[in-house]
PDB file of N, CA and C in Angstrom:
ATOM      1  N   UNK A   1       0.842  -1.139   0.034  1.00  0.00           N
ATOM      2  CA  UNK A   1       0.052  -0.010  -0.091  1.00  0.00           C
ATOM      3  C   UNK A   1       0.791   1.321  -0.036  1.00  0.00           C
ATOM      4  N   UNK A   2       1.976   1.184   0.695  1.00  0.00           N
ATOM      5  CA  UNK A   2       2.914   2.351   0.767  1.00  0.00           C
ATOM      6  C   UNK A   2       3.417   2.634  -0.541  1.00  0.00           C
ATOM      7  N   UNK A   3       3.833   1.600  -1.310  1.00  0.00           N
ATOM      8  CA  UNK A   3       4.418   1.699  -2.647  1.00  0.00           C
ATOM      9  C   UNK A   3       3.279   2.386  -3.595  1.00  0.00           C
ATOM     10  N   UNK A   4       2.092   1.967  -3.460  1.00  0.00           N
ATOM     11  CA  UNK A   4       1.097   2.552  -4.245  1.00  0.00           C
ATOM     12  C   UNK A   4       0.849   4.053  -3.922  1.00  0.00           C
ATOM     13  N   UNK A   5       0.918   4.472  -2.658  1.00  0.00           N
ATOM     14  CA  UNK A   5       0.752   5.904  -2.312  1.00  0.00           C
ATOM     15  C   UNK A   5       1.981   6.663  -2.863  1.00  0.00           C
ATOM     16  N   UNK A   6       3.191   6.056  -2.661  1.00  0.00           N
ATOM     17  CA  UNK A   6       4.453   6.758  -3.134  1.00  0.00           C
ATOM     18  C   UNK A   6       4.476   6.856  -4.679  1.00  0.00           C
ATOM     19  N   UNK A   7       3.974   5.972  -5.355  1.00  0.00           N
ATOM     20  CA  UNK A   7       3.865   6.083  -6.831  1.00  0.00           C
ATOM     21  C   UNK A   7       2.753   7.121  -7.169  1.00  0.00           C
ATOM     22  N   UNK A   8       1.726   7.087  -6.628  1.00  0.00           N
ATOM     23  CA  UNK A   8       0.635   8.211  -6.844  1.00  0.00           C
ATOM     24  C   UNK A   8       1.170   9.614  -6.632  1.00  0.00           C
ATOM     25  N   UNK A   9       1.908   9.725  -5.513  1.00  0.00           N
ATOM     26  CA  UNK A   9       2.607  10.967  -5.129  1.00  0.00           C
ATOM     27  C   UNK A   9       3.574  11.404  -6.144  1.00  0.00           C
ATOM     28  N   UNK A  10       4.338  10.557  -6.617  1.00  0.00           N
ATOM     29  CA  UNK A  10       5.318  10.901  -7.655  1.00  0.00           C
ATOM     30  C   UNK A  10       4.720  11.236  -8.926  1.00  0.00           C
ATOM     31  N   UNK A  11       3.595  10.573  -9.318  1.00  0.00           N
ATOM     32  CA  UNK A  11       2.820  10.895 -10.428  1.00  0.00           C
ATOM     33  C   UNK A  11       2.226  12.242 -10.351  1.00  0.00           C
ATOM     34  N   UNK A  12       1.654  12.555  -9.161  1.00  0.00           N
ATOM     35  CA  UNK A  12       1.156  13.848  -9.031  1.00  0.00           C
ATOM     36  C   UNK A  12       2.171  14.989  -9.147  1.00  0.00           C
ATOM     37  N   UNK A  13       3.364  14.768  -8.607  1.00  0.00           N
ATOM     38  CA  UNK A  13       4.431  15.766  -8.637  1.00  0.00           C
ATOM     39  C   UNK A  13       4.898  15.953 -10.104  1.00  0.00           C
ATOM     40  N   UNK A  14       4.873  14.993 -10.773  1.00  0.00           N
ATOM     41  CA  UNK A  14       5.279  14.936 -12.235  1.00  0.00           C
ATOM     42  C   UNK A  14       4.201  15.747 -13.141  1.00  0.00           C
ATOM     43  N   UNK A  15       2.919  15.510 -12.831  1.00  0.00           N
ATOM     44  CA  UNK A  15       1.941  16.334 -13.542  1.00  0.00           C
ATOM     45  C   UNK A  15       1.990  17.693 -13.008  1.00  0.00           C
ATOM     46  N   UNK A  16       2.110  18.047 -11.803  1.00  0.00           N
ATOM     47  CA  UNK A  16       2.295  19.422 -11.336  1.00  0.00           C
ATOM     48  C   UNK A  16       3.450  20.110 -11.983  1.00  0.00           C
ATOM     49  N   UNK A  17       4.551  19.356 -12.102  1.00  0.00           N
ATOM     50  CA  UNK A  17       5.766  20.117 -12.597  1.00  0.00           C
ATOM     51  C   UNK A  17       5.535  20.395 -14.082  1.00  0.00           C
ATOM     52  N   UNK A  18       4.923  19.363 -14.822  1.00  0.00           N
ATOM     53  CA  UNK A  18       4.624  19.679 -16.227  1.00  0.00           C
ATOM     54  C   UNK A  18       3.629  20.760 -16.484  1.00  0.00           C
ATOM     55  N   UNK A  19       2.588  20.838 -15.539  1.00  0.00           N
ATOM     56  CA  UNK A  19       1.634  22.056 -15.675  1.00  0.00           C
ATOM     57  C   UNK A  19       2.352  23.331 -15.392  1.00  0.00           C
ATOM     58  N   UNK A  20       3.224  23.307 -14.399  1.00  0.00           N
ATOM     59  CA  UNK A  20       4.017  24.605 -14.171  1.00  0.00           C
ATOM     60  C   UNK A  20       4.963  25.008 -15.331  1.00  0.00           C
ATOM     61  N   UNK A  21       5.633  23.962 -16.009  1.00  0.00           N
ATOM     62  CA  UNK A  21       6.451  24.270 -17.064  1.00  0.00           C
ATOM     63  C   UNK A  21       5.606  24.729 -18.210  1.00  0.00           C
ATOM     64  N   UNK A  22       4.359  24.269 -18.548  1.00  0.00           N
ATOM     65  CA  UNK A  22       3.523  24.807 -19.594  1.00  0.00           C
ATOM     66  C   UNK A  22       3.025  26.283 -19.306  1.00  0.00           C
ATOM     67  N   UNK A  23       2.715  26.514 -17.952  1.00  0.00           N
ATOM     68  CA  UNK A  23       2.363  27.800 -17.647  1.00  0.00           C
ATOM     69  C   UNK A  23       3.437  28.825 -17.690  1.00  0.00           C
ATOM     70  N   UNK A  24       4.742  28.328 -17.529  1.00  0.00           N
ATOM     71  CA  UNK A  24       5.942  29.208 -17.667  1.00  0.00           C
ATOM     72  C   UNK A  24       6.351  29.328 -19.070  1.00  0.00           C
ATOM     73  N   UNK A  25       5.856  28.500 -20.004  1.00  0.00           N
ATOM     74  CA  UNK A  25       6.320  28.468 -21.464  1.00  0.00           C
ATOM     75  C   UNK A  25       5.048  28.608 -22.292  1.00  0.00           C
ATOM     76  N   UNK A  26       4.439  29.844 -22.245  1.00  0.00           N
ATOM     77  CA  UNK A  26       3.239  29.985 -23.192  1.00  0.00           C
ATOM     78  C   UNK A  26       3.587  29.986 -24.690  1.00  0.00           C
ATOM     79  N   UNK A  27       2.671  29.836 -25.532  1.00  0.00           N
ATOM     80  CA  UNK A  27       3.033  29.827 -27.019  1.00  0.00           C
ATOM     81  C   UNK A  27       3.410  31.194 -27.501  1.00  0.00           C
ATOM     82  N   UNK A  28       4.318  31.335 -28.461  1.00  0.00           N
ATOM     83  CA  UNK A  28       4.826  32.395 -28.819  1.00  0.00           C
ATOM     84  C   UNK A  28       4.328  32.769 -30.298  1.00  0.00           C
ATOM     85  N   UNK A  29       3.806  31.725 -30.902  1.00  0.00           N
ATOM     86  CA  UNK A  29       3.327  31.826 -32.378  1.00  0.00           C
ATOM     87  C   UNK A  29       1.906  31.218 -32.390  1.00  0.00           C
ATOM     88  N   UNK A  30       1.023  31.840 -33.212  1.00  0.00           N
ATOM     89  CA  UNK A  30      -0.258  31.335 -33.449  1.00  0.00           C
ATOM     90  C   UNK A  30      -0.633  31.347 -34.843  1.00  0.00           C
ATOM     91  N   UNK A  31      -1.725  30.874 -35.255  1.00  0.00           N
ATOM     92  CA  UNK A  31      -2.281  30.804 -36.612  1.00  0.00           C
ATOM     93  C   UNK A  31      -3.359  31.877 -36.743  1.00  0.00           C
ATOM     94  N   UNK A  32      -3.225  32.577 -37.912  1.00  0.00           N
ATOM     95  CA  UNK A  32      -4.302  33.608 -38.229  1.00  0.00           C
ATOM     96  C   UNK A  32      -4.721  33.165 -39.581  1.00  0.00           C
ATOM     97  N   UNK A  33      -5.967  33.550 -39.923  1.00  0.00           N
ATOM     98  CA  UNK A  33      -6.457  33.425 -41.274  1.00  0.00           C
ATOM     99  C   UNK A  33      -6.733  34.813 -41.838  1.00  0.00           C
ATOM    100  N   UNK A  34      -6.178  34.986 -42.965  1.00  0.00           N
ATOM    101  CA  UNK A  34      -6.174  36.386 -43.617  1.00  0.00           C
ATOM    102  C   UNK A  34      -6.851  36.329 -44.924  1.00  0.00           C
ATOM    103  N   UNK A  35      -7.725  37.307 -45.181  1.00  0.00           N
ATOM    104  CA  UNK A  35      -8.406  37.290 -46.608  1.00  0.00           C
ATOM    105  C   UNK A  35      -7.522  38.153 -47.590  1.00  0.00           C
ATOM    106  N   UNK A  36      -7.885  38.246 -48.668  1.00  0.00           N
ATOM    107  CA  UNK A  36      -7.152  38.984 -49.742  1.00  0.00           C
ATOM    108  C   UNK A  36      -6.889  40.364 -49.426  1.00  0.00           C
ATOM    109  N   UNK A  37      -7.818  41.045 -48.670  1.00  0.00           N
ATOM    110  CA  UNK A  37      -7.472  42.369 -48.226  1.00  0.00           C
ATOM    111  C   UNK A  37      -6.557  42.638 -47.168  1.00  0.00           C
ATOM    112  N   UNK A  38      -6.220  41.497 -46.386  1.00  0.00           N
ATOM    113  CA  UNK A  38      -5.514  41.530 -45.272  1.00  0.00           C
ATOM    114  C   UNK A  38      -6.166  41.501 -43.878  1.00  0.00           C
ATOM    115  N   UNK A  39      -7.625  41.499 -43.919  1.00  0.00           N
ATOM    116  CA  UNK A  39      -8.399  41.428 -42.742  1.00  0.00           C
ATOM    117  C   UNK A  39      -8.222  39.935 -42.136  1.00  0.00           C
ATOM    118  N   UNK A  40      -8.224  40.041 -40.899  1.00  0.00           N
ATOM    119  CA  UNK A  40      -8.160  38.819 -40.048  1.00  0.00           C
ATOM    120  C   UNK A  40      -9.521  38.169 -39.916  1.00  0.00           C
ATOM    121  N   UNK A  41      -9.553  36.854 -40.189  1.00  0.00           N
ATOM    122  CA  UNK A  41     -10.699  36.058 -40.088  1.00  0.00           C
ATOM    123  C   UNK A  41     -10.418  34.892 -39.046  1.00  0.00           C
ATOM    124  N   UNK A  42     -11.580  34.426 -38.533  1.00  0.00           N
ATOM    125  CA  UNK A  42     -11.291  33.490 -37.460  1.00  0.00           C
ATOM    126  C   UNK A  42     -10.845  32.173 -37.934  1.00  0.00           C
ATOM    127  N   UNK A  43      -9.846  31.608 -37.179  1.00  0.00           N
ATOM    128  CA  UNK A  43      -9.314  30.296 -37.389  1.00  0.00           C
ATOM    129  C   UNK A  43      -9.955  29.380 -36.501  1.00  0.00           C
ATOM    130  N   UNK A  44      -9.980  28.058 -36.901  1.00  0.00           N
ATOM    131  CA  UNK A  44     -10.613  27.023 -36.076  1.00  0.00           C
ATOM    132  C   UNK A  44      -9.387  26.109 -35.738  1.00  0.00           C
ATOM    133  N   UNK A  45      -9.139  26.146 -34.433  1.00  0.00           N
ATOM    134  CA  UNK A  45      -7.934  25.416 -33.931  1.00  0.00           C
ATOM    135  C   UNK A  45      -8.321  24.362 -32.819  1.00  0.00           C
ATOM    136  N   UNK A  46      -7.708  23.251 -33.003  1.00  0.00           N
ATOM    137  CA  UNK A  46      -7.819  22.163 -31.966  1.00  0.00           C
ATOM    138  C   UNK A  46      -6.756  22.405 -30.960  1.00  0.00           C
ATOM    139  N   UNK A  47      -7.258  22.392 -29.687  1.00  0.00           N
ATOM    140  CA  UNK A  47      -6.252  22.631 -28.509  1.00  0.00           C
ATOM    141  C   UNK A  47      -6.473  21.580 -27.460  1.00  0.00           C
ATOM    142  N   UNK A  48      -5.481  21.353 -26.684  1.00  0.00           N
ATOM    143  CA  UNK A  48      -5.647  20.347 -25.580  1.00  0.00           C
ATOM    144  C   UNK A  48      -6.823  20.709 -24.647  1.00  0.00           C
ATOM    145  N   UNK A  49      -7.304  19.766 -24.000  1.00  0.00           N
ATOM    146  CA  UNK A  49      -8.499  19.951 -23.197  1.00  0.00           C
ATOM    147  C   UNK A  49      -8.334  20.805 -21.975  1.00  0.00           C
ATOM    148  N   UNK A  50      -7.043  20.804 -21.365  1.00  0.00           N
ATOM    149  CA  UNK A  50      -6.908  21.552 -20.123  1.00  0.00           C
ATOM    150  C   UNK A  50      -6.582  23.180 -20.451  1.00  0.00           C
ATOM    151  N   UNK A  51      -6.833  23.898 -19.366  1.00  0.00           N
ATOM    152  CA  UNK A  51      -6.661  25.267 -19.432  1.00  0.00           C
ATOM    153  C   UNK A  51      -5.140  25.706 -19.411  1.00  0.00           C
ATOM    154  N   UNK A  52      -4.348  24.816 -18.868  1.00  0.00           N
ATOM    155  CA  UNK A  52      -2.952  25.022 -18.561  1.00  0.00           C
ATOM    156  C   UNK A  52      -2.093  25.189 -19.905  1.00  0.00           C
ATOM    157  N   UNK A  53      -2.441  24.432 -20.940  1.00  0.00           N
ATOM    158  CA  UNK A  53      -1.668  24.361 -22.190  1.00  0.00           C
ATOM    159  C   UNK A  53      -2.370  25.038 -23.180  1.00  0.00           C
ATOM    160  N   UNK A  54      -1.904  26.346 -23.640  1.00  0.00           N
ATOM    161  CA  UNK A  54      -2.678  27.183 -24.591  1.00  0.00           C
ATOM    162  C   UNK A  54      -2.140  26.874 -25.976  1.00  0.00           C
ATOM    163  N   UNK A  55      -1.274  25.892 -26.237  1.00  0.00           N
ATOM    164  CA  UNK A  55      -0.782  25.766 -27.535  1.00  0.00           C
ATOM    165  C   UNK A  55      -1.839  24.957 -28.500  1.00  0.00           C
ATOM    166  N   UNK A  56      -1.762  25.346 -29.681  1.00  0.00           N
ATOM    167  CA  UNK A  56      -2.706  24.810 -30.693  1.00  0.00           C
ATOM    168  C   UNK A  56      -1.993  23.603 -31.357  1.00  0.00           C
ATOM    169  N   UNK A  57      -2.846  22.445 -31.350  1.00  0.00           N
ATOM    170  CA  UNK A  57      -2.397  21.274 -32.143  1.00  0.00           C
ATOM    171  C   UNK A  57      -2.405  21.486 -33.562  1.00  0.00           C
ATOM    172  N   UNK A  58      -3.564  21.867 -34.125  1.00  0.00           N
ATOM    173  CA  UNK A  58      -3.789  22.161 -35.468  1.00  0.00           C
ATOM    174  C   UNK A  58      -4.747  23.203 -35.763  1.00  0.00           C
ATOM    175  N   UNK A  59      -4.576  24.068 -36.796  1.00  0.00           N
ATOM    176  CA  UNK A  59      -5.505  25.073 -37.035  1.00  0.00           C
ATOM    177  C   UNK A  59      -5.915  25.053 -38.615  1.00  0.00           C
ATOM    178  N   UNK A  60      -7.124  25.261 -38.847  1.00  0.00           N
ATOM    179  CA  UNK A  60      -7.484  25.475 -40.323  1.00  0.00           C
ATOM    180  C   UNK A  60      -8.276  26.736 -40.510  1.00  0.00           C
ATOM    181  N   UNK A  61      -8.267  27.081 -41.677  1.00  0.00           N
ATOM    182  CA  UNK A  61      -8.936  28.329 -42.156  1.00  0.00           C
ATOM    183  C   UNK A  61     -10.019  27.976 -43.081  1.00  0.00           C
ATOM    184  N   UNK A  62     -11.281  28.087 -42.604  1.00  0.00           N
ATOM    185  CA  UNK A  62     -12.389  27.808 -43.620  1.00  0.00           C
ATOM    186  C   UNK A  62     -12.342  28.835 -44.738  1.00  0.00           C
ATOM    187  N   UNK A  63     -11.965  29.971 -44.491  1.00  0.00           N
ATOM    188  CA  UNK A  63     -11.792  31.071 -45.634  1.00  0.00           C
ATOM    189  C   UNK A  63     -10.411  31.698 -45.310  1.00  0.00           C
ATOM    190  N   UNK A  64      -9.958  32.255 -46.531  1.00  0.00           N
ATOM    191  CA  UNK A  64      -8.553  33.028 -46.364  1.00  0.00           C
ATOM    192  C   UNK A  64      -7.371  32.192 -46.348  1.00  0.00           C
ATOM    193  N   UNK A  65      -6.335  32.875 -46.137  1.00  0.00           N
ATOM    194  CA  UNK A  65      -4.967  32.238 -46.182  1.00  0.00           C
ATOM    195  C   UNK A  65      -4.557  32.011 -44.753  1.00  0.00           C
ATOM    196  N   UNK A  66      -3.923  30.810 -44.509  1.00  0.00           N
ATOM    197  CA  UNK A  66      -3.426  30.511 -43.214  1.00  0.00           C
ATOM    198  C   UNK A  66      -2.013  31.056 -43.058  1.00  0.00           C
ATOM    199  N   UNK A  67      -1.789  31.890 -41.931  1.00  0.00           N
ATOM    200  CA  UNK A  67      -0.460  32.332 -41.721  1.00  0.00           C
ATOM    201  C   UNK A  67      -0.035  32.208 -40.353  1.00  0.00           C
ATOM    202  N   UNK A  68       1.200  32.437 -40.023  1.00  0.00           N
ATOM    203  CA  UNK A  68       1.784  32.420 -38.624  1.00  0.00           C
ATOM    204  C   UNK A  68       1.841  33.852 -38.173  1.00  0.00           C
ATOM    205  N   UNK A  69       1.704  34.135 -37.041  1.00  0.00           N
ATOM    206  CA  UNK A  69       1.844  35.377 -36.288  1.00  0.00           C
ATOM    207  C   UNK A  69       2.350  35.312 -34.924  1.00  0.00           C
ATOM    208  N   UNK A  70       3.091  36.282 -34.508  1.00  0.00           N
ATOM    209  CA  UNK A  70       3.597  36.255 -33.129  1.00  0.00           C
ATOM    210  C   UNK A  70       2.436  36.495 -32.093  1.00  0.00           C
ATOM    211  N   UNK A  71       2.370  35.863 -31.036  1.00  0.00           N
ATOM    212  CA  UNK A  71       1.719  36.123 -29.862  1.00  0.00           C
ATOM    213  C   UNK A  71       2.357  37.148 -28.976  1.00  0.00           C
ATOM    214  N   UNK A  72       1.474  38.333 -28.586  1.00  0.00           N
ATOM    215  CA  UNK A  72       2.063  39.433 -27.902  1.00  0.00           C
ATOM    216  C   UNK A  72       2.538  38.956 -26.579  1.00  0.00           C
ATOM    217  N   UNK A  73       3.780  39.431 -26.170  1.00  0.00           N
ATOM    218  CA  UNK A  73       4.296  39.072 -24.937  1.00  0.00           C
ATOM    219  C   UNK A  73       3.553  39.896 -23.781  1.00  0.00           C
ATOM    220  N   UNK A  74       3.690  39.338 -22.511  1.00  0.00           N
ATOM    221  CA  UNK A  74       2.974  40.028 -21.440  1.00  0.00           C
ATOM    222  C   UNK A  74       3.235  41.530 -21.456  1.00  0.00           C
ATOM    223  N   UNK A  75       2.172  42.289 -21.328  1.00  0.00           N
ATOM    224  CA  UNK A  75       2.369  43.875 -21.216  1.00  0.00           C
ATOM    225  C   UNK A  75       2.362  44.516 -22.558  1.00  0.00           C
ATOM    226  N   UNK A  76       2.213  43.771 -23.659  1.00  0.00           N
ATOM    227  CA  UNK A  76       2.178  44.370 -25.021  1.00  0.00           C
ATOM    228  C   UNK A  76       0.811  44.068 -25.594  1.00  0.00           C
ATOM    229  N   UNK A  77       0.236  45.033 -26.060  1.00  0.00           N
ATOM    230  CA  UNK A  77      -1.209  44.999 -26.765  1.00  0.00           C
ATOM    231  C   UNK A  77      -0.991  44.938 -28.271  1.00  0.00           C
ATOM    232  N   UNK A  78      -1.798  44.100 -28.892  1.00  0.00           N
ATOM    233  CA  UNK A  78      -1.823  44.049 -30.355  1.00  0.00           C
ATOM    234  C   UNK A  78      -2.212  45.472 -30.877  1.00  0.00           C
ATOM    235  N   UNK A  79      -1.795  45.682 -32.136  1.00  0.00           N
ATOM    236  CA  UNK A  79      -2.205  46.965 -32.831  1.00  0.00           C
ATOM    237  C   UNK A  79      -3.788  46.803 -33.075  1.00  0.00           C
ATOM    238  N   UNK A  80      -4.337  48.003 -33.077  1.00  0.00           N
ATOM    239  CA  UNK A  80      -5.733  48.057 -33.389  1.00  0.00           C
ATOM    240  C   UNK A  80      -6.054  47.669 -34.757  1.00  0.00           C
ATOM    241  N   UNK A  81      -7.096  46.792 -35.001  1.00  0.00           N
ATOM    242  CA  UNK A  81      -7.574  46.325 -36.395  1.00  0.00           C
ATOM    243  C   UNK A  81      -7.984  47.637 -37.164  1.00  0.00           C
ATOM    244  N   UNK A  82      -7.755  47.590 -38.366  1.00  0.00           N
ATOM    245  CA  UNK A  82      -8.138  48.796 -39.272  1.00  0.00           C
ATOM    246  C   UNK A  82      -7.721  48.614 -40.593  1.00  0.00           C
ATOM    247  N   UNK A  83      -8.096  49.455 -41.604  1.00  0.00           N
ATOM    248  CA  UNK A  83      -7.748  49.435 -42.919  1.00  0.00           C
ATOM    249  C   UNK A  83      -6.255  49.562 -43.112  1.00  0.00           C
ATOM    250  N   UNK A  84      -5.534  50.391 -42.407  1.00  0.00           N
ATOM    251  CA  UNK A  84      -4.103  50.526 -42.436  1.00  0.00           C
ATOM    252  C   UNK A  84      -3.329  49.315 -41.997  1.00  0.00           C
ATOM    253  N   UNK A  85      -3.742  48.730 -40.968  1.00  0.00           N
ATOM    254  CA  UNK A  85      -3.110  47.593 -40.530  1.00  0.00           C
ATOM    255  C   UNK A  85      -3.399  46.328 -41.497  1.00  0.00           C
ATOM    256  N   UNK A  86      -4.539  46.242 -42.068  1.00  0.00           N
ATOM    257  CA  UNK A  86      -4.795  45.327 -43.094  1.00  0.00           C
ATOM    258  C   UNK A  86      -3.918  45.485 -44.352  1.00  0.00           C
ATOM    259  N   UNK A  87      -3.735  46.647 -44.764  1.00  0.00           N
ATOM    260  CA  UNK A  87      -2.929  46.975 -45.944  1.00  0.00           C
ATOM    261  C   UNK A  87      -1.432  46.557 -45.520  1.00  0.00           C
ATOM    262  N   UNK A  88      -0.903  46.869 -44.418  1.00  0.00           N
ATOM    263  CA  UNK A  88       0.407  46.532 -44.032  1.00  0.00           C
ATOM    264  C   UNK A  88       0.555  45.090 -44.003  1.00  0.00           C
ATOM    265  N   UNK A  89      -0.423  44.298 -43.343  1.00  0.00           N
ATOM    266  CA  UNK A  89      -0.386  42.914 -43.178  1.00  0.00           C
ATOM    267  C   UNK A  89      -0.307  42.234 -44.662  1.00  0.00           C
ATOM    268  N   UNK A  90      -1.133  42.709 -45.445  1.00  0.00           N
ATOM    269  CA  UNK A  90      -1.245  42.237 -46.882  1.00  0.00           C
ATOM    270  C   UNK A  90       0.105  42.356 -47.628  1.00  0.00           C
ATOM    271  N   UNK A  91       0.687  43.612 -47.457  1.00  0.00           N
ATOM    272  CA  UNK A  91       1.928  43.774 -48.062  1.00  0.00           C
ATOM    273  C   UNK A  91       3.067  42.939 -47.633  1.00  0.00           C
ATOM    274  N   UNK A  92       3.037  42.598 -46.399  1.00  0.00           N
ATOM    275  CA  UNK A  92       3.982  41.646 -45.863  1.00  0.00           C
ATOM    276  C   UNK A  92       3.842  40.278 -46.437  1.00  0.00           C
ATOM    277  N   UNK A  93       2.676  39.871 -46.644  1.00  0.00           N
ATOM    278  CA  UNK A  93       2.334  38.523 -47.040  1.00  0.00           C
ATOM    279  C   UNK A  93       2.508  38.318 -48.643  1.00  0.00           C
ATOM    280  N   UNK A  94       2.764  39.411 -49.309  1.00  0.00           N
ATOM    281  CA  UNK A  94       2.897  39.269 -50.726  1.00  0.00           C
ATOM    282  C   UNK A  94       4.103  38.519 -51.043  1.00  0.00           C
ATOM    283  N   UNK A  95       5.131  38.447 -50.190  1.00  0.00           N
ATOM    284  CA  UNK A  95       6.304  37.722 -50.516  1.00  0.00           C
ATOM    285  C   UNK A  95       6.145  36.223 -50.519  1.00  0.00           C
ATOM    286  N   UNK A  96       4.975  35.806 -50.039  1.00  0.00           N
ATOM    287  CA  UNK A  96       4.671  34.332 -50.074  1.00  0.00           C
ATOM    288  C   UNK A  96       5.261  33.405 -48.994  1.00  0.00           C
ATOM    289  N   UNK A  97       5.797  33.947 -47.967  1.00  0.00           N
ATOM    290  CA  UNK A  97       6.297  33.184 -46.839  1.00  0.00           C
ATOM    291  C   UNK A  97       5.278  32.736 -45.918  1.00  0.00           C
ATOM    292  N   UNK A  98       3.999  33.358 -45.772  1.00  0.00           N
ATOM    293  CA  UNK A  98       3.001  32.864 -45.002  1.00  0.00           C
ATOM    294  C   UNK A  98       3.216  33.127 -43.554  1.00  0.00           C
ATOM    295  N   UNK A  99       4.012  34.288 -43.137  1.00  0.00           N
ATOM    296  CA  UNK A  99       4.149  34.612 -41.849  1.00  0.00           C
ATOM    297  C   UNK A  99       4.316  36.085 -41.613  1.00  0.00           C
ATOM    298  N   UNK A 100       3.989  36.583 -40.468  1.00  0.00           N
ATOM    299  CA  UNK A 100       4.207  37.845 -40.045  1.00  0.00           C
ATOM    300  C   UNK A 100       4.935  37.883 -38.760  1.00  0.00           C
ATOM    301  N   UNK A 101       5.491  36.717 -38.463  1.00  0.00           N
ATOM    302  CA  UNK A 101       6.252  36.619 -37.119  1.00  0.00           C
ATOM    303  C   UNK A 101       7.513  37.610 -37.174  1.00  0.00           C
ATOM    304  N   UNK A 102       7.558  38.553 -36.140  1.00  0.00           N
ATOM    305  CA  UNK A 102       8.652  39.418 -36.032  1.00  0.00           C
ATOM    306  C   UNK A 102       8.404  40.748 -36.756  1.00  0.00           C
ATOM    307  N   UNK A 103       7.224  40.885 -37.410  1.00  0.00           N
ATOM    308  CA  UNK A 103       6.987  42.079 -38.106  1.00  0.00           C
ATOM    309  C   UNK A 103       6.600  43.155 -37.189  1.00  0.00           C
ATOM    310  N   UNK A 104       6.739  44.427 -37.546  1.00  0.00           N
ATOM    311  CA  UNK A 104       6.275  45.575 -36.823  1.00  0.00           C
ATOM    312  C   UNK A 104       5.241  46.405 -37.628  1.00  0.00           C
ATOM    313  N   UNK A 105       4.390  47.205 -36.978  1.00  0.00           N
ATOM    314  CA  UNK A 105       3.485  48.071 -37.495  1.00  0.00           C
ATOM    315  C   UNK A 105       3.555  49.292 -36.671  1.00  0.00           C
ATOM    316  N   UNK A 106       3.883  50.397 -37.238  1.00  0.00           N
ATOM    317  CA  UNK A 106       4.082  51.836 -36.528  1.00  0.00           C
ATOM    318  C   UNK A 106       4.910  51.609 -35.326  1.00  0.00           C
ATOM    319  N   UNK A 107       6.067  50.949 -35.456  1.00  0.00           N
ATOM    320  CA  UNK A 107       6.930  50.932 -34.348  1.00  0.00           C
ATOM    321  C   UNK A 107       6.588  49.861 -33.226  1.00  0.00           C
ATOM    322  N   UNK A 108       5.357  49.052 -33.521  1.00  0.00           N
ATOM    323  CA  UNK A 108       4.893  48.253 -32.465  1.00  0.00           C
ATOM    324  C   UNK A 108       4.889  46.804 -33.067  1.00  0.00           C
ATOM    325  N   UNK A 109       5.100  45.730 -32.316  1.00  0.00           N
ATOM    326  CA  UNK A 109       4.978  44.356 -32.840  1.00  0.00           C
ATOM    327  C   UNK A 109       3.673  44.098 -33.513  1.00  0.00           C
ATOM    328  N   UNK A 110       3.683  43.483 -34.640  1.00  0.00           N
ATOM    329  CA  UNK A 110       2.410  43.084 -35.310  1.00  0.00           C
ATOM    330  C   UNK A 110       2.149  41.749 -34.809  1.00  0.00           C
ATOM    331  N   UNK A 111       1.576  41.651 -33.611  1.00  0.00           N
ATOM    332  CA  UNK A 111       1.308  40.529 -32.827  1.00  0.00           C
ATOM    333  C   UNK A 111      -0.217  40.406 -32.518  1.00  0.00           C
ATOM    334  N   UNK A 112      -0.532  39.229 -32.026  1.00  0.00           N
ATOM    335  CA  UNK A 112      -2.021  39.024 -31.755  1.00  0.00           C
ATOM    336  C   UNK A 112      -2.129  38.655 -30.175  1.00  0.00           C
ATOM    337  N   UNK A 113      -3.238  39.033 -29.659  1.00  0.00           N
ATOM    338  CA  UNK A 113      -3.470  38.679 -28.227  1.00  0.00           C
ATOM    339  C   UNK A 113      -3.322  37.295 -27.843  1.00  0.00           C
ATOM    340  N   UNK A 114      -2.933  36.837 -26.773  1.00  0.00           N
ATOM    341  CA  UNK A 114      -2.876  35.453 -26.375  1.00  0.00           C
ATOM    342  C   UNK A 114      -4.160  34.911 -26.327  1.00  0.00           C
ATOM    343  N   UNK A 115      -4.377  33.669 -26.749  1.00  0.00           N
ATOM    344  CA  UNK A 115      -5.670  32.923 -26.580  1.00  0.00           C
ATOM    345  C   UNK A 115      -5.976  32.693 -25.109  1.00  0.00           C
ATOM    346  N   UNK A 116      -7.253  32.894 -24.778  1.00  0.00           N
ATOM    347  CA  UNK A 116      -7.647  32.723 -23.382  1.00  0.00           C
ATOM    348  C   UNK A 116      -6.736  33.536 -22.422  1.00  0.00           C
ATOM    349  N   UNK A 117      -6.558  34.809 -22.764  1.00  0.00           N
ATOM    350  CA  UNK A 117      -5.698  35.700 -21.902  1.00  0.00           C
ATOM    351  C   UNK A 117      -6.251  35.838 -20.592  1.00  0.00           C
ATOM    352  N   UNK A 118      -7.687  35.706 -20.396  1.00  0.00           N
ATOM    353  CA  UNK A 118      -8.282  35.856 -19.018  1.00  0.00           C
ATOM    354  C   UNK A 118      -7.868  34.753 -18.092  1.00  0.00           C
ATOM    355  N   UNK A 119      -7.557  33.549 -18.649  1.00  0.00           N
ATOM    356  CA  UNK A 119      -7.165  32.423 -17.733  1.00  0.00           C
ATOM    357  C   UNK A 119      -5.757  32.409 -17.250  1.00  0.00           C
ATOM    358  N   UNK A 120      -4.980  33.379 -17.773  1.00  0.00           N
ATOM    359  CA  UNK A 120      -3.514  33.371 -17.500  1.00  0.00           C
ATOM    360  C   UNK A 120      -3.249  34.284 -16.320  1.00  0.00           C
TER     361      UNK A 120
END
């Protein structure tokens, strides 16, 4: 019985350590769907069942082009959506790389808000 309790305690500590490492290591990149004008459309993403891991397993775009974008670090807000941002985003995507990771807009990172930011 002691061995069973010790094994359960070790398993619990392993799960707790893994949850803490996931909380300390939030995703830095996410998927966006962008239409031809540069407007952001909703992506459909499969994510793990728990609230601790916010990383996306796979994302699809029912409409628009699928691209990668940076997730805003803590304390940084994403730029306001608007026609000027859409034009800048579209201009960056014309090179065909499918990413805006590391791009800036008006001196600010062209990032997106973290998913489920209220739970962090």
